[in-house]
């Protein structure tokens, strides 16, 4: 299985993504997304009661996954 490079996903740098958007972009469940927040592996910001993820945080998370996959190989 090939991993997607961070530049292959089209993200608007000025965009903030809701958890549901990140779930779709990363193909992960809500539970896994929140586990990644708690572990500090996926960064987010809070605006009021909403938790939002920046495009940069999504790219960084994908890069982290790629790095871990390469190290495991």
PDB file of N, CA and C in Angstrom:
ATOM      1  N   UNK A   1       0.843  -1.176   0.000  1.00  0.00           N
ATOM      2  CA  UNK A   1       0.000   0.000   0.000  1.00  0.00           C
ATOM      3  C   UNK A   1       0.884   1.233   0.000  1.00  0.00           C
ATOM      4  N   UNK A   2       0.616   2.169  -0.863  1.00  0.00           N
ATOM      5  CA  UNK A   2       1.418   3.378  -0.914  1.00  0.00           C
ATOM      6  C   UNK A   2       0.757   4.477  -0.107  1.00  0.00           C
ATOM      7  N   UNK A   3       1.577   5.244   0.572  1.00  0.00           N
ATOM      8  CA  UNK A   3       1.066   6.357   1.368  1.00  0.00           C
ATOM      9  C   UNK A   3       0.972   7.591   0.479  1.00  0.00           C
ATOM     10  N   UNK A   4       0.047   8.450   0.793  1.00  0.00           N
ATOM     11  CA  UNK A   4      -0.092   9.696   0.049  1.00  0.00           C
ATOM     12  C   UNK A   4       0.901  10.707   0.587  1.00  0.00           C
ATOM     13  N   UNK A   5       1.624  11.329  -0.298  1.00  0.00           N
ATOM     14  CA  UNK A   5       2.543  12.390   0.118  1.00  0.00           C
ATOM     15  C   UNK A   5       1.715  13.593   0.538  1.00  0.00           C
ATOM     16  N   UNK A   6       2.206  14.361   1.509  1.00  0.00           N
ATOM     17  CA  UNK A   6       1.434  15.521   1.984  1.00  0.00           C
ATOM     18  C   UNK A   6       1.056  16.480   0.868  1.00  0.00           C
ATOM     19  N   UNK A   7       1.893  16.629  -0.159  1.00  0.00           N
ATOM     20  CA  UNK A   7       1.568  17.561  -1.232  1.00  0.00           C
ATOM     21  C   UNK A   7       0.566  16.983  -2.233  1.00  0.00           C
ATOM     22  N   UNK A   8       0.233  15.693  -2.125  1.00  0.00           N
ATOM     23  CA  UNK A   8      -0.727  15.081  -3.042  1.00  0.00           C
ATOM     24  C   UNK A   8      -2.168  15.364  -2.630  1.00  0.00           C
ATOM     25  N   UNK A   9      -2.395  15.691  -1.370  1.00  0.00           N
ATOM     26  CA  UNK A   9      -3.731  16.034  -0.913  1.00  0.00           C
ATOM     27  C   UNK A   9      -3.891  17.544  -1.068  1.00  0.00           C
ATOM     28  N   UNK A  10      -4.929  17.938  -1.754  1.00  0.00           N
ATOM     29  CA  UNK A  10      -5.137  19.362  -1.976  1.00  0.00           C
ATOM     30  C   UNK A  10      -5.812  19.971  -0.760  1.00  0.00           C
ATOM     31  N   UNK A  11      -5.039  20.758  -0.038  1.00  0.00           N
ATOM     32  CA  UNK A  11      -5.546  21.446   1.138  1.00  0.00           C
ATOM     33  C   UNK A  11      -5.284  22.937   0.976  1.00  0.00           C
ATOM     34  N   UNK A  12      -6.249  23.733   1.310  1.00  0.00           N
ATOM     35  CA  UNK A  12      -6.096  25.181   1.285  1.00  0.00           C
ATOM     36  C   UNK A  12      -5.393  25.590   2.577  1.00  0.00           C
ATOM     37  N   UNK A  13      -4.230  26.227   2.472  1.00  0.00           N
ATOM     38  CA  UNK A  13      -3.439  26.561   3.654  1.00  0.00           C
ATOM     39  C   UNK A  13      -4.171  27.454   4.644  1.00  0.00           C
ATOM     40  N   UNK A  14      -5.132  28.211   4.201  1.00  0.00           N
ATOM     41  CA  UNK A  14      -5.862  29.103   5.086  1.00  0.00           C
ATOM     42  C   UNK A  14      -7.138  28.461   5.626  1.00  0.00           C
ATOM     43  N   UNK A  15      -7.319  27.205   5.359  1.00  0.00           N
ATOM     44  CA  UNK A  15      -8.537  26.495   5.722  1.00  0.00           C
ATOM     45  C   UNK A  15      -8.403  25.837   7.077  1.00  0.00           C
ATOM     46  N   UNK A  16      -9.473  25.865   7.842  1.00  0.00           N
ATOM     47  CA  UNK A  16      -9.589  25.091   9.070  1.00  0.00           C
ATOM     48  C   UNK A  16     -10.616  24.000   8.806  1.00  0.00           C
ATOM     49  N   UNK A  17     -10.254  22.779   9.153  1.00  0.00           N
ATOM     50  CA  UNK A  17     -11.117  21.635   8.886  1.00  0.00           C
ATOM     51  C   UNK A  17     -11.766  21.140  10.164  1.00  0.00           C
ATOM     52  N   UNK A  18     -13.027  20.822  10.080  1.00  0.00           N
ATOM     53  CA  UNK A  18     -13.735  20.212  11.210  1.00  0.00           C
ATOM     54  C   UNK A  18     -13.295  18.766  11.342  1.00  0.00           C
ATOM     55  N   UNK A  19     -13.596  18.176  12.477  1.00  0.00           N
ATOM     56  CA  UNK A  19     -13.222  16.782  12.713  1.00  0.00           C
ATOM     57  C   UNK A  19     -13.826  15.887  11.632  1.00  0.00           C
ATOM     58  N   UNK A  20     -15.052  16.141  11.229  1.00  0.00           N
ATOM     59  CA  UNK A  20     -15.676  15.311  10.195  1.00  0.00           C
ATOM     60  C   UNK A  20     -14.925  15.406   8.872  1.00  0.00           C
ATOM     61  N   UNK A  21     -14.389  16.598   8.554  1.00  0.00           N
ATOM     62  CA  UNK A  21     -13.589  16.757   7.336  1.00  0.00           C
ATOM     63  C   UNK A  21     -12.288  15.965   7.449  1.00  0.00           C
ATOM     64  N   UNK A  22     -11.633  16.056   8.608  1.00  0.00           N
ATOM     65  CA  UNK A  22     -10.383  15.314   8.832  1.00  0.00           C
ATOM     66  C   UNK A  22     -10.635  13.812   8.771  1.00  0.00           C
ATOM     67  N   UNK A  23     -11.771  13.374   9.274  1.00  0.00           N
ATOM     68  CA  UNK A  23     -12.120  11.954   9.208  1.00  0.00           C
ATOM     69  C   UNK A  23     -12.142  11.491   7.757  1.00  0.00           C
ATOM     70  N   UNK A  24     -12.751  12.290   6.895  1.00  0.00           N
ATOM     71  CA  UNK A  24     -12.854  11.954   5.476  1.00  0.00           C
ATOM     72  C   UNK A  24     -11.492  12.019   4.803  1.00  0.00           C
ATOM     73  N   UNK A  25     -10.733  13.089   5.060  1.00  0.00           N
ATOM     74  CA  UNK A  25      -9.427  13.260   4.424  1.00  0.00           C
ATOM     75  C   UNK A  25      -8.435  12.168   4.821  1.00  0.00           C
ATOM     76  N   UNK A  26      -8.489  11.752   6.081  1.00  0.00           N
ATOM     77  CA  UNK A  26      -7.518  10.784   6.598  1.00  0.00           C
ATOM     78  C   UNK A  26      -8.060   9.350   6.624  1.00  0.00           C
ATOM     79  N   UNK A  27      -9.309   9.180   6.251  1.00  0.00           N
ATOM     80  CA  UNK A  27      -9.962   7.858   6.276  1.00  0.00           C
ATOM     81  C   UNK A  27      -9.849   7.214   7.656  1.00  0.00           C
ATOM     82  N   UNK A  28     -10.195   7.979   8.675  1.00  0.00           N
ATOM     83  CA  UNK A  28     -10.127   7.510  10.065  1.00  0.00           C
ATOM     84  C   UNK A  28     -11.453   7.791  10.756  1.00  0.00           C
ATOM     85  N   UNK A  29     -11.710   7.014  11.785  1.00  0.00           N
ATOM     86  CA  UNK A  29     -12.931   7.216  12.556  1.00  0.00           C
ATOM     87  C   UNK A  29     -12.758   8.400  13.516  1.00  0.00           C
ATOM     88  N   UNK A  30     -13.873   8.892  14.020  1.00  0.00           N
ATOM     89  CA  UNK A  30     -13.856   9.983  14.993  1.00  0.00           C
ATOM     90  C   UNK A  30     -13.025   9.591  16.217  1.00  0.00           C
ATOM     91  N   UNK A  31     -13.189   8.363  16.673  1.00  0.00           N
ATOM     92  CA  UNK A  31     -12.461   7.896  17.848  1.00  0.00           C
ATOM     93  C   UNK A  31     -10.956   7.950  17.619  1.00  0.00           C
ATOM     94  N   UNK A  32     -10.508   7.495  16.462  1.00  0.00           N
ATOM     95  CA  UNK A  32      -9.071   7.494  16.159  1.00  0.00           C
ATOM     96  C   UNK A  32      -8.549   8.926  16.048  1.00  0.00           C
ATOM     97  N   UNK A  33      -9.315   9.816  15.432  1.00  0.00           N
ATOM     98  CA  UNK A  33      -8.902  11.223  15.328  1.00  0.00           C
ATOM     99  C   UNK A  33      -8.688  11.795  16.729  1.00  0.00           C
ATOM    100  N   UNK A  34      -9.638  11.588  17.635  1.00  0.00           N
ATOM    101  CA  UNK A  34      -9.500  12.133  18.985  1.00  0.00           C
ATOM    102  C   UNK A  34      -8.370  11.457  19.758  1.00  0.00           C
ATOM    103  N   UNK A  35      -8.110  10.191  19.501  1.00  0.00           N
ATOM    104  CA  UNK A  35      -6.962   9.517  20.122  1.00  0.00           C
ATOM    105  C   UNK A  35      -5.665  10.171  19.657  1.00  0.00           C
ATOM    106  N   UNK A  36      -5.599  10.546  18.387  1.00  0.00           N
ATOM    107  CA  UNK A  36      -4.405  11.194  17.858  1.00  0.00           C
ATOM    108  C   UNK A  36      -4.230  12.589  18.461  1.00  0.00           C
ATOM    109  N   UNK A  37      -5.330  13.298  18.713  1.00  0.00           N
ATOM    110  CA  UNK A  37      -5.254  14.590  19.406  1.00  0.00           C
ATOM    111  C   UNK A  37      -4.647  14.394  20.796  1.00  0.00           C
ATOM    112  N   UNK A  38      -5.210  13.434  21.539  1.00  0.00           N
ATOM    113  CA  UNK A  38      -4.749  13.202  22.920  1.00  0.00           C
ATOM    114  C   UNK A  38      -3.286  12.787  22.971  1.00  0.00           C
ATOM    115  N   UNK A  39      -2.844  12.027  21.971  1.00  0.00           N
ATOM    116  CA  UNK A  39      -1.456  11.563  21.926  1.00  0.00           C
ATOM    117  C   UNK A  39      -0.502  12.665  21.441  1.00  0.00           C
ATOM    118  N   UNK A  40      -1.050  13.768  20.953  1.00  0.00           N
ATOM    119  CA  UNK A  40      -0.223  14.860  20.459  1.00  0.00           C
ATOM    120  C   UNK A  40       0.320  14.629  19.062  1.00  0.00           C
ATOM    121  N   UNK A  41      -0.220  13.646  18.379  1.00  0.00           N
ATOM    122  CA  UNK A  41       0.252  13.314  17.033  1.00  0.00           C
ATOM    123  C   UNK A  41      -0.453  14.149  15.961  1.00  0.00           C
ATOM    124  N   UNK A  42      -1.643  14.613  16.245  1.00  0.00           N
ATOM    125  CA  UNK A  42      -2.408  15.463  15.335  1.00  0.00           C
ATOM    126  C   UNK A  42      -2.798  16.712  16.111  1.00  0.00           C
ATOM    127  N   UNK A  43      -2.352  17.863  15.612  1.00  0.00           N
ATOM    128  CA  UNK A  43      -2.618  19.118  16.313  1.00  0.00           C
ATOM    129  C   UNK A  43      -3.989  19.673  15.919  1.00  0.00           C
ATOM    130  N   UNK A  44      -4.575  20.396  16.856  1.00  0.00           N
ATOM    131  CA  UNK A  44      -5.852  21.044  16.583  1.00  0.00           C
ATOM    132  C   UNK A  44      -5.919  22.345  17.379  1.00  0.00           C
ATOM    133  N   UNK A  45      -6.886  23.163  17.008  1.00  0.00           N
ATOM    134  CA  UNK A  45      -7.156  24.403  17.737  1.00  0.00           C
ATOM    135  C   UNK A  45      -8.623  24.390  18.119  1.00  0.00           C
ATOM    136  N   UNK A  46      -8.957  25.168  19.133  1.00  0.00           N
ATOM    137  CA  UNK A  46     -10.356  25.271  19.532  1.00  0.00           C
ATOM    138  C   UNK A  46     -10.852  26.673  19.258  1.00  0.00           C
ATOM    139  N   UNK A  47     -12.027  26.741  18.681  1.00  0.00           N
ATOM    140  CA  UNK A  47     -12.720  28.000  18.462  1.00  0.00           C
ATOM    141  C   UNK A  47     -14.081  27.837  19.112  1.00  0.00           C
ATOM    142  N   UNK A  48     -14.259  28.423  20.261  1.00  0.00           N
ATOM    143  CA  UNK A  48     -15.484  28.184  21.015  1.00  0.00           C
ATOM    144  C   UNK A  48     -15.517  26.732  21.444  1.00  0.00           C
ATOM    145  N   UNK A  49     -16.573  26.039  21.094  1.00  0.00           N
ATOM    146  CA  UNK A  49     -16.692  24.618  21.434  1.00  0.00           C
ATOM    147  C   UNK A  49     -16.223  23.711  20.305  1.00  0.00           C
ATOM    148  N   UNK A  50     -15.855  24.301  19.173  1.00  0.00           N
ATOM    149  CA  UNK A  50     -15.444  23.510  18.017  1.00  0.00           C
ATOM    150  C   UNK A  50     -13.952  23.222  18.048  1.00  0.00           C
ATOM    151  N   UNK A  51     -13.589  22.004  17.675  1.00  0.00           N
ATOM    152  CA  UNK A  51     -12.185  21.634  17.509  1.00  0.00           C
ATOM    153  C   UNK A  51     -11.917  21.626  16.014  1.00  0.00           C
ATOM    154  N   UNK A  52     -10.888  22.374  15.610  1.00  0.00           N
ATOM    155  CA  UNK A  52     -10.567  22.537  14.197  1.00  0.00           C
ATOM    156  C   UNK A  52      -9.127  22.116  13.941  1.00  0.00           C
ATOM    157  N   UNK A  53      -8.867  21.638  12.742  1.00  0.00           N
ATOM    158  CA  UNK A  53      -7.546  21.152  12.370  1.00  0.00           C
ATOM    159  C   UNK A  53      -7.072  21.983  11.181  1.00  0.00           C
ATOM    160  N   UNK A  54      -5.855  22.502  11.272  1.00  0.00           N
ATOM    161  CA  UNK A  54      -5.315  23.289  10.161  1.00  0.00           C
ATOM    162  C   UNK A  54      -4.809  22.361   9.061  1.00  0.00           C
ATOM    163  N   UNK A  55      -4.713  22.912   7.862  1.00  0.00           N
ATOM    164  CA  UNK A  55      -4.178  22.143   6.734  1.00  0.00           C
ATOM    165  C   UNK A  55      -2.753  21.703   7.038  1.00  0.00           C
ATOM    166  N   UNK A  56      -1.964  22.575   7.667  1.00  0.00           N
ATOM    167  CA  UNK A  56      -0.592  22.240   8.022  1.00  0.00           C
ATOM    168  C   UNK A  56      -0.516  21.082   9.000  1.00  0.00           C
ATOM    169  N   UNK A  57      -1.450  21.033   9.945  1.00  0.00           N
ATOM    170  CA  UNK A  57      -1.464  19.940  10.923  1.00  0.00           C
ATOM    171  C   UNK A  57      -1.779  18.614  10.230  1.00  0.00           C
ATOM    172  N   UNK A  58      -2.660  18.641   9.246  1.00  0.00           N
ATOM    173  CA  UNK A  58      -2.986  17.417   8.507  1.00  0.00           C
ATOM    174  C   UNK A  58      -1.779  16.962   7.706  1.00  0.00           C
ATOM    175  N   UNK A  59      -1.106  17.906   7.029  1.00  0.00           N
ATOM    176  CA  UNK A  59       0.103  17.554   6.272  1.00  0.00           C
ATOM    177  C   UNK A  59       1.179  16.978   7.186  1.00  0.00           C
ATOM    178  N   UNK A  60       1.380  17.612   8.346  1.00  0.00           N
ATOM    179  CA  UNK A  60       2.393  17.130   9.300  1.00  0.00           C
ATOM    180  C   UNK A  60       2.068  15.728   9.789  1.00  0.00           C
ATOM    181  N   UNK A  61       0.796  15.465  10.018  1.00  0.00           N
ATOM    182  CA  UNK A  61       0.385  14.144  10.496  1.00  0.00           C
ATOM    183  C   UNK A  61       0.656  13.081   9.422  1.00  0.00           C
ATOM    184  N   UNK A  62       0.347  13.402   8.176  1.00  0.00           N
ATOM    185  CA  UNK A  62       0.607  12.459   7.083  1.00  0.00           C
ATOM    186  C   UNK A  62       2.107  12.202   6.968  1.00  0.00           C
ATOM    187  N   UNK A  63       2.906  13.264   7.085  1.00  0.00           N
ATOM    188  CA  UNK A  63       4.363  13.104   7.028  1.00  0.00           C
ATOM    189  C   UNK A  63       4.858  12.224   8.178  1.00  0.00           C
ATOM    190  N   UNK A  64       4.275  12.388   9.361  1.00  0.00           N
ATOM    191  CA  UNK A  64       4.636  11.551  10.507  1.00  0.00           C
ATOM    192  C   UNK A  64       4.316  10.087  10.229  1.00  0.00           C
ATOM    193  N   UNK A  65       3.162   9.821   9.656  1.00  0.00           N
ATOM    194  CA  UNK A  65       2.786   8.445   9.330  1.00  0.00           C
ATOM    195  C   UNK A  65       3.745   7.848   8.302  1.00  0.00           C
ATOM    196  N   UNK A  66       4.122   8.640   7.296  1.00  0.00           N
ATOM    197  CA  UNK A  66       5.067   8.161   6.289  1.00  0.00           C
ATOM    198  C   UNK A  66       6.424   7.852   6.911  1.00  0.00           C
ATOM    199  N   UNK A  67       6.888   8.735   7.790  1.00  0.00           N
ATOM    200  CA  UNK A  67       8.170   8.530   8.445  1.00  0.00           C
ATOM    201  C   UNK A  67       8.152   7.247   9.282  1.00  0.00           C
ATOM    202  N   UNK A  68       7.089   7.052  10.027  1.00  0.00           N
ATOM    203  CA  UNK A  68       6.976   5.844  10.854  1.00  0.00           C
ATOM    204  C   UNK A  68       6.931   4.581   9.985  1.00  0.00           C
ATOM    205  N   UNK A  69       6.265   4.665   8.851  1.00  0.00           N
ATOM    206  CA  UNK A  69       6.191   3.512   7.947  1.00  0.00           C
ATOM    207  C   UNK A  69       7.564   3.194   7.376  1.00  0.00           C
ATOM    208  N   UNK A  70       8.325   4.207   7.022  1.00  0.00           N
ATOM    209  CA  UNK A  70       9.668   3.996   6.479  1.00  0.00           C
ATOM    210  C   UNK A  70      10.595   3.416   7.538  1.00  0.00           C
ATOM    211  N   UNK A  71      10.489   3.883   8.767  1.00  0.00           N
ATOM    212  CA  UNK A  71      11.328   3.386   9.842  1.00  0.00           C
ATOM    213  C   UNK A  71      11.002   1.938  10.181  1.00  0.00           C
ATOM    214  N   UNK A  72       9.737   1.565  10.021  1.00  0.00           N
ATOM    215  CA  UNK A  72       9.315   0.201  10.330  1.00  0.00           C
ATOM    216  C   UNK A  72       9.729  -0.786   9.240  1.00  0.00           C
ATOM    217  N   UNK A  73       9.964  -0.279   8.048  1.00  0.00           N
ATOM    218  CA  UNK A  73      10.315  -1.146   6.911  1.00  0.00           C
ATOM    219  C   UNK A  73      11.771  -1.564   6.937  1.00  0.00           C
TER     220      UNK A  73
END
